[in-house]
């Protein structure tokens, strides 16, 4: 499964966001450190900012830069004229969206899509397709659209309202395969309204899809999209597949993207947050000093993060004893209790600080 990062476009669609071209360019450079195959930074038809960003990133990134376009010649022209490596044409697919968003019949939508993909080819571009609200669209209608656009290397199915769970994602994809759709041509785009965007991307991976849209820290409309960092770590741990991403740069690069965009992240955010590899509980720190794998799903250093053990008033006898031993102090019961009092007064301390305290107060 190949990843398409949509952070810059989806993030900019969040209320109150107005990223500058410079912010998007800096964030795009940080993304490229991960080795992603695709980056979708914007929608060129919306204005000069996105046209400039697509053009400059297409010149500088190793990733293929995707310009988004409605199934309209003007949108395709804007993407092509911005030198996008790929033009992603999107249309509404569900009955609800056809009636209330596009205002077209299914036959009219199909004609628009086919004509736009052909036009991308005529203009010398590489077409991909996204079908909006595809997970609420009949699989037979989707299979017809796949067959109608054979020149599109990928056709992405969007769970536009974030309503699906892993079981229904898998059932929908299985229905397409039963109708002759090659899963390697299928892309997926999930929103996190039910908190299932990561799990849904994993279900799609296990179904053999060829591409998935992801976003750093889930930046995107409403609850956001499948978080890039979570999908990479989960696939790496569960399937021994880092999806072509440089694991060691993951946390640093993702934080760099967020910094460039002026976005914050919670300390308890999975993978990215500092607190997810922080331990203070007495029982926990004692076990972590013996073997970190006791209470960690993975070594945070593997993905560019770092572990933090904290010592203070919550430190138990076992943890205090091990710190004293690391400071080459005789850890008899009386010294352990005295050291715990010192930690309670001086803490919270990092491991190196706690060892220094032990050496200073109880060392020879």
Protein backbone atom coordinates (compact mmCIF):
# COMPACT_ATOMS: atom_id res chain seq x y z
CA UNK A 1 0.00 0.00 0.00
CA UNK A 2 1.37 3.40 -1.05
CA UNK A 3 0.68 6.49 1.00
CA UNK A 4 -0.66 9.80 -0.28
CA UNK A 5 -0.25 12.59 2.25
CA UNK A 6 -3.16 15.06 2.23
CA UNK A 7 -2.14 17.12 5.28
CA UNK A 8 -1.62 20.39 3.40
CA UNK A 9 -4.93 20.29 1.53
CA UNK A 10 -7.14 18.78 4.23
CA UNK A 11 -5.58 20.88 6.98
CA UNK A 12 -6.23 24.06 5.02
CA UNK A 13 -9.93 23.15 4.81
CA UNK A 14 -10.29 23.21 8.59
CA UNK A 15 -12.18 26.25 9.95
CA UNK A 16 -9.97 29.20 10.78
CA UNK A 17 -6.97 27.97 8.79
CA UNK A 18 -5.25 30.09 6.17
CA UNK A 19 -1.84 28.58 5.54
CA UNK A 20 0.55 30.72 3.55
CA UNK A 21 2.44 29.38 0.57
CA UNK A 22 5.64 29.56 2.64
CA UNK A 23 4.08 27.43 5.39
CA UNK A 24 2.92 24.81 2.91
CA UNK A 25 6.28 24.73 1.16
CA UNK A 26 8.15 24.26 4.45
CA UNK A 27 5.73 21.54 5.53
CA UNK A 28 6.06 19.83 2.15
CA UNK A 29 9.83 19.76 2.52
CA UNK A 30 9.47 18.13 5.95
CA UNK A 31 7.09 15.53 4.51
CA UNK A 32 9.58 14.65 1.79
CA UNK A 33 12.06 13.54 4.47
CA UNK A 34 9.78 10.56 5.06
CA UNK A 35 10.12 9.17 1.53
CA UNK A 36 6.39 9.27 0.75
CA UNK A 37 5.43 8.35 -2.83
CA UNK A 38 2.63 10.94 -3.09
CA UNK A 39 1.90 14.35 -1.57
CA UNK A 40 -1.34 16.21 -2.31
CA UNK A 41 -0.68 19.81 -1.23
CA UNK A 42 -3.64 21.62 -2.74
CA UNK A 43 -6.41 22.35 -5.17
CA UNK A 44 -4.91 24.57 -7.92
CA UNK A 45 -8.24 25.87 -9.20
CA UNK A 46 -8.84 27.62 -5.85
CA UNK A 47 -6.20 30.28 -6.37
CA UNK A 48 -2.60 31.36 -6.80
CA UNK A 49 -1.39 30.10 -3.41
CA UNK A 50 -2.18 26.48 -4.21
CA UNK A 51 -0.94 26.84 -7.79
CA UNK A 52 2.40 28.16 -6.54
CA UNK A 53 2.68 25.47 -3.87
CA UNK A 54 1.95 22.64 -6.31
CA UNK A 55 4.38 24.05 -8.87
CA UNK A 56 7.27 24.60 -6.45
CA UNK A 57 6.81 21.30 -4.62
CA UNK A 58 6.63 19.44 -7.94
CA UNK A 59 10.02 20.94 -8.76
CA UNK A 60 11.65 20.10 -5.44
CA UNK A 61 10.10 16.99 -3.87
CA UNK A 62 11.07 13.41 -4.61
CA UNK A 63 7.41 12.50 -4.09
CA UNK A 64 4.91 12.78 -6.94
CA UNK A 65 2.89 15.93 -6.28
CA UNK A 66 -0.86 15.60 -6.80
CA UNK A 67 -3.10 18.49 -7.81
CA UNK A 68 -6.77 18.01 -6.94
CA UNK A 69 -9.39 18.86 -9.58
CA UNK A 70 -13.12 18.64 -9.98
CA UNK A 71 -14.31 16.90 -13.13
CA UNK A 72 -14.13 20.18 -15.02
CA UNK A 73 -11.74 21.20 -17.79
CA UNK A 74 -10.88 24.45 -16.01
CA UNK A 75 -9.82 22.57 -12.86
CA UNK A 76 -7.76 20.11 -14.89
CA UNK A 77 -6.09 22.98 -16.72
CA UNK A 78 -5.20 24.64 -13.41
CA UNK A 79 -3.57 21.45 -12.14
CA UNK A 80 -1.72 20.73 -15.38
CA UNK A 81 -0.54 24.33 -15.72
CA UNK A 82 0.79 24.11 -12.15
CA UNK A 83 3.03 21.24 -13.29
CA UNK A 84 1.39 18.68 -11.00
CA UNK A 85 2.86 15.22 -11.46
CA UNK A 86 -0.61 13.72 -11.02
CA UNK A 87 -4.09 15.19 -11.47
CA UNK A 88 -6.63 13.71 -9.05
CA UNK A 89 -10.11 14.15 -10.50
CA UNK A 90 -12.94 13.84 -7.99
CA UNK A 91 -16.68 13.43 -8.39
CA UNK A 92 -19.61 12.58 -6.14
CA UNK A 93 -20.54 8.91 -6.22
CA UNK A 94 -23.42 8.29 -3.80
CA UNK A 95 -27.05 9.02 -4.56
CA UNK A 96 -27.14 11.52 -1.71
CA UNK A 97 -24.15 13.46 -3.01
CA UNK A 98 -25.31 13.32 -6.61
CA UNK A 99 -28.64 14.86 -5.64
CA UNK A 100 -27.60 17.39 -3.01
CA UNK A 101 -24.00 18.30 -3.94
CA UNK A 102 -23.44 17.70 -7.64
CA UNK A 103 -27.00 18.06 -8.91
CA UNK A 104 -26.40 15.48 -11.66
CA UNK A 105 -27.73 12.06 -12.57
CA UNK A 106 -25.45 9.04 -12.28
CA UNK A 107 -25.15 8.89 -16.07
CA UNK A 108 -24.20 12.58 -16.23
CA UNK A 109 -21.60 12.14 -13.48
CA UNK A 110 -20.11 9.14 -15.28
CA UNK A 111 -19.82 11.16 -18.47
CA UNK A 112 -18.15 14.04 -16.61
CA UNK A 113 -15.64 11.70 -15.00
CA UNK A 114 -14.73 9.84 -18.16
CA UNK A 115 -14.38 13.07 -20.11
CA UNK A 116 -12.18 14.64 -17.44
CA UNK A 117 -9.84 11.64 -17.22
CA UNK A 118 -9.53 11.65 -21.01
CA UNK A 119 -8.82 15.39 -20.89
CA UNK A 120 -6.04 14.89 -18.36
CA UNK A 121 -4.48 12.43 -20.80
CA UNK A 122 -4.93 14.82 -23.71
CA UNK A 123 -3.11 17.51 -21.72
CA UNK A 124 -0.22 15.11 -21.08
CA UNK A 125 -1.06 14.48 -17.42
CA UNK A 126 -1.31 11.40 -15.22
CA UNK A 127 -4.87 10.87 -13.93
CA UNK A 128 -6.00 9.49 -10.60
CA UNK A 129 -9.62 9.51 -9.47
CA UNK A 130 -11.42 10.03 -6.14
CA UNK A 131 -15.05 9.01 -5.70
CA UNK A 132 -16.66 11.03 -2.91
CA UNK A 133 -18.92 9.19 -0.46
CA UNK A 134 -17.98 5.92 -2.14
CA UNK A 135 -18.50 3.85 1.00
CA UNK A 136 -22.20 4.74 0.83
CA UNK A 137 -22.39 3.89 -2.87
CA UNK A 138 -23.57 0.58 -4.28
CA UNK A 139 -20.56 -1.64 -5.13
CA UNK A 140 -22.05 -2.38 -8.55
CA UNK A 141 -22.08 1.34 -9.40
CA UNK A 142 -18.48 1.66 -8.17
CA UNK A 143 -17.35 -1.30 -10.25
CA UNK A 144 -18.88 0.36 -13.31
CA UNK A 145 -16.85 3.52 -12.63
CA UNK A 146 -13.62 1.55 -12.24
CA UNK A 147 -14.27 -0.03 -15.64
CA UNK A 148 -15.10 3.35 -17.18
CA UNK A 149 -11.70 4.91 -16.33
CA UNK A 150 -9.05 2.29 -17.20
CA UNK A 151 -6.43 5.03 -17.64
CA UNK A 152 -6.63 5.97 -13.94
CA UNK A 153 -3.92 4.05 -12.10
CA UNK A 154 -5.78 4.55 -8.80
CA UNK A 155 -9.43 5.11 -7.99
CA UNK A 156 -9.78 6.27 -4.41
CA UNK A 157 -12.92 5.47 -2.45
CA UNK A 158 -13.69 8.20 0.07
CA UNK A 159 -15.56 7.64 3.33
CA UNK A 160 -16.46 11.30 3.14
CA UNK A 161 -18.59 11.45 6.29
CA UNK A 162 -16.49 9.07 8.37
CA UNK A 163 -19.32 6.62 8.90
CA UNK A 164 -17.59 3.27 8.30
CA UNK A 165 -15.95 0.76 10.65
CA UNK A 166 -13.35 -1.90 9.77
CA UNK A 167 -15.95 -4.63 9.24
CA UNK A 168 -18.02 -2.59 6.80
CA UNK A 169 -14.89 -1.33 5.03
CA UNK A 170 -13.72 -4.88 4.47
CA UNK A 171 -17.17 -6.01 3.30
CA UNK A 172 -17.39 -3.12 0.82
CA UNK A 173 -13.94 -3.83 -0.60
CA UNK A 174 -14.66 -7.57 -0.82
CA UNK A 175 -17.80 -6.78 -2.80
CA UNK A 176 -15.75 -4.81 -5.31
CA UNK A 177 -13.20 -7.60 -5.70
CA UNK A 178 -16.05 -10.05 -6.30
CA UNK A 179 -17.13 -7.78 -9.15
CA UNK A 180 -13.71 -7.97 -10.77
CA UNK A 181 -12.07 -4.82 -9.39
CA UNK A 182 -8.33 -5.19 -8.87
CA UNK A 183 -7.64 -4.14 -5.24
CA UNK A 184 -4.22 -2.84 -6.30
CA UNK A 185 -6.06 -0.05 -8.19
CA UNK A 186 -8.14 0.87 -5.16
CA UNK A 187 -7.26 3.84 -3.00
CA UNK A 188 -8.97 4.73 0.28
CA UNK A 189 -9.67 8.02 2.06
CA UNK A 190 -11.11 7.89 5.57
CA UNK A 191 -12.41 10.49 7.99
CA UNK A 192 -12.25 9.93 11.73
CA UNK A 193 -15.76 10.92 12.82
CA UNK A 194 -16.27 7.57 14.57
CA UNK A 195 -12.66 7.30 15.71
CA UNK A 196 -12.05 4.49 13.21
CA UNK A 197 -9.84 6.14 10.57
CA UNK A 198 -6.64 4.31 11.55
CA UNK A 199 -8.41 0.98 11.98
CA UNK A 200 -10.19 1.45 8.65
CA UNK A 201 -6.90 2.12 6.87
CA UNK A 202 -5.49 -1.08 8.39
CA UNK A 203 -8.55 -3.03 7.24
CA UNK A 204 -7.99 -1.65 3.73
CA UNK A 205 -4.31 -2.60 3.89
CA UNK A 206 -5.26 -6.16 4.80
CA UNK A 207 -7.69 -6.20 1.88
CA UNK A 208 -4.79 -5.43 -0.47
CA UNK A 209 -5.60 -1.88 -1.55
CA UNK A 210 -2.91 -0.03 -3.47
CA UNK A 211 -3.07 3.46 -1.94
CA UNK A 212 -4.27 5.23 1.20
CA UNK A 213 -4.68 8.92 1.99
CA UNK A 214 -3.16 9.94 5.32
CA UNK A 215 -2.64 13.18 7.22
CA UNK A 216 -0.14 14.15 9.89
CA UNK A 217 -1.82 14.16 13.32
CA UNK A 218 -5.13 13.56 11.49
CA UNK A 219 -5.33 17.21 10.32
CA UNK A 220 -8.44 17.52 8.21
CA UNK A 221 -12.09 18.47 8.16
CA UNK A 222 -14.22 17.69 11.23
CA UNK A 223 -12.45 14.89 13.14
CA UNK A 224 -9.73 14.66 10.50
CA UNK A 225 -8.29 11.81 8.46
CA UNK A 226 -6.28 8.64 9.02
CA UNK A 227 -3.18 9.83 10.91
CA UNK A 228 -0.04 9.17 8.88
CA UNK A 229 2.05 8.38 11.96
CA UNK A 230 -0.46 5.90 13.40
CA UNK A 231 -0.94 4.03 10.12
CA UNK A 232 2.83 3.72 9.60
CA UNK A 233 3.55 2.51 13.14
CA UNK A 234 0.63 0.07 13.16
CA UNK A 235 1.58 -1.45 9.80
CA UNK A 236 5.22 -1.63 10.81
CA UNK A 237 4.46 -3.44 14.07
CA UNK A 238 1.59 -5.61 12.88
CA UNK A 239 2.77 -6.46 9.37
CA UNK A 240 6.49 -5.63 9.37
CA UNK A 241 5.77 -3.10 6.63
CA UNK A 242 6.75 0.54 7.11
CA UNK A 243 4.97 1.44 3.85
CA UNK A 244 8.15 2.83 2.36
CA UNK A 245 8.44 5.49 5.07
CA UNK A 246 11.74 6.24 6.80
CA UNK A 247 10.82 4.98 10.28
CA UNK A 248 13.62 6.77 12.07
CA UNK A 249 12.44 10.16 10.80
CA UNK A 250 8.73 9.66 11.46
CA UNK A 251 8.20 11.59 14.69
CA UNK A 252 10.70 14.34 13.87
CA UNK A 253 9.31 14.91 10.37
CA UNK A 254 5.68 14.91 11.49
CA UNK A 255 6.40 17.40 14.27
CA UNK A 256 8.27 19.49 11.70
CA UNK A 257 5.20 19.55 9.46
CA UNK A 258 3.00 20.68 12.34
CA UNK A 259 5.49 23.34 13.40
CA UNK A 260 5.67 24.68 9.84
CA UNK A 261 1.88 24.98 9.70
CA UNK A 262 1.62 26.51 13.16
CA UNK A 263 -0.39 23.53 14.40
CA UNK A 264 -0.08 22.10 17.90
CA UNK A 265 -0.52 18.54 19.11
CA UNK A 266 -1.54 17.09 22.44
CA UNK A 267 1.16 15.59 24.65
CA UNK A 268 -0.98 12.44 24.76
CA UNK A 269 -1.37 12.19 20.97
CA UNK A 270 -0.57 8.64 19.88
CA UNK A 271 2.96 8.28 18.47
CA UNK A 272 3.66 12.05 18.37
CA UNK A 273 2.96 13.14 21.94
CA UNK A 274 5.76 13.28 24.51
CA UNK A 275 3.58 11.70 27.21
CA UNK A 276 3.01 8.46 25.28
CA UNK A 277 6.54 7.33 26.19
CA UNK A 278 6.62 8.92 29.65
CA UNK A 279 6.46 6.86 32.87
CA UNK A 280 6.32 7.99 36.50
CA UNK A 281 4.26 5.41 38.36
CA UNK A 282 6.42 3.53 40.84
CA UNK A 283 5.56 0.08 39.52
CA UNK A 284 6.02 1.23 35.92
CA UNK A 285 9.41 2.90 36.31
CA UNK A 286 10.83 -0.05 38.19
CA UNK A 287 9.76 -2.42 35.41
CA UNK A 288 10.94 -0.03 32.70
CA UNK A 289 14.40 0.15 34.24
CA UNK A 290 14.64 -3.64 34.01
CA UNK A 291 13.20 -3.99 30.48
CA UNK A 292 11.30 -1.21 28.66
CA UNK A 293 9.35 -3.74 26.60
CA UNK A 294 7.46 -4.65 29.77
CA UNK A 295 5.19 -1.62 29.40
CA UNK A 296 5.83 -0.25 25.90
CA UNK A 297 4.29 -1.37 22.61
CA UNK A 298 7.50 -0.40 20.81
CA UNK A 299 10.80 1.35 21.41
CA UNK A 300 9.96 5.00 20.67
CA UNK A 301 13.48 5.52 19.33
CA UNK A 302 12.62 3.22 16.43
CA UNK A 303 10.34 5.94 15.05
CA UNK A 304 12.36 8.96 16.12
CA UNK A 305 10.73 9.53 19.51
CA UNK A 306 12.28 9.20 22.93
CA UNK A 307 11.45 7.49 26.19
CA UNK A 308 11.15 9.57 29.37
CA UNK A 309 11.28 8.05 32.86
CA UNK A 310 10.26 10.45 35.61
CA UNK A 311 11.18 10.10 39.28
CA UNK A 312 9.53 11.95 42.16
CA UNK A 313 6.87 11.44 44.77
CA UNK A 314 5.36 8.46 42.90
CA UNK A 315 8.63 6.55 42.80
CA UNK A 316 8.42 3.26 44.66
CA UNK A 317 11.07 1.30 46.52
CA UNK A 318 11.98 -0.81 43.50
CA UNK A 319 12.56 2.18 41.25
CA UNK A 320 14.50 4.07 43.92
CA UNK A 321 16.67 1.04 44.59
CA UNK A 322 17.54 0.66 40.91
CA UNK A 323 18.47 4.33 40.57
CA UNK A 324 20.72 4.07 43.60
CA UNK A 325 22.37 0.98 42.16
CA UNK A 326 22.97 2.80 38.89
CA UNK A 327 24.71 5.51 40.92
CA UNK A 328 26.84 2.81 42.61
CA UNK A 329 25.24 3.52 45.97
CA UNK A 330 24.63 0.73 48.50
CA UNK A 331 20.83 0.45 48.37
CA UNK A 332 19.94 -0.77 51.85
CA UNK A 333 16.38 -0.23 53.08
CA UNK A 334 17.23 2.90 55.07
CA UNK A 335 18.99 4.54 52.12
CA UNK A 336 16.13 3.63 49.77
CA UNK A 337 13.59 5.35 52.03
CA UNK A 338 15.79 8.40 52.45
CA UNK A 339 16.27 8.62 48.69
CA UNK A 340 12.53 8.38 48.10
CA UNK A 341 12.09 11.38 50.37
CA UNK A 342 14.75 13.25 48.41
CA UNK A 343 13.01 12.40 45.13
CA UNK A 344 9.66 13.56 46.47
CA UNK A 345 11.19 16.88 47.46
CA UNK A 346 13.27 17.42 44.31
CA UNK A 347 11.15 15.74 41.63
CA UNK A 348 9.94 15.22 39.05
CA UNK A 349 13.38 14.37 37.70
CA UNK A 350 14.65 12.70 34.55
CA UNK A 351 16.62 9.48 35.00
CA UNK A 352 20.00 11.18 34.60
CA UNK A 353 18.98 13.85 37.12
CA UNK A 354 17.77 11.21 39.59
CA UNK A 355 21.07 9.31 39.31
CA UNK A 356 22.99 12.54 39.87
CA UNK A 357 20.86 13.27 42.96
CA UNK A 358 21.55 9.79 44.32
CA UNK A 359 25.26 10.20 43.78
CA UNK A 360 25.31 13.69 45.28
CA UNK A 361 23.36 12.86 48.44
CA UNK A 362 24.28 9.23 49.06
CA UNK A 363 27.43 8.52 47.10
CA UNK A 364 30.81 7.91 48.66
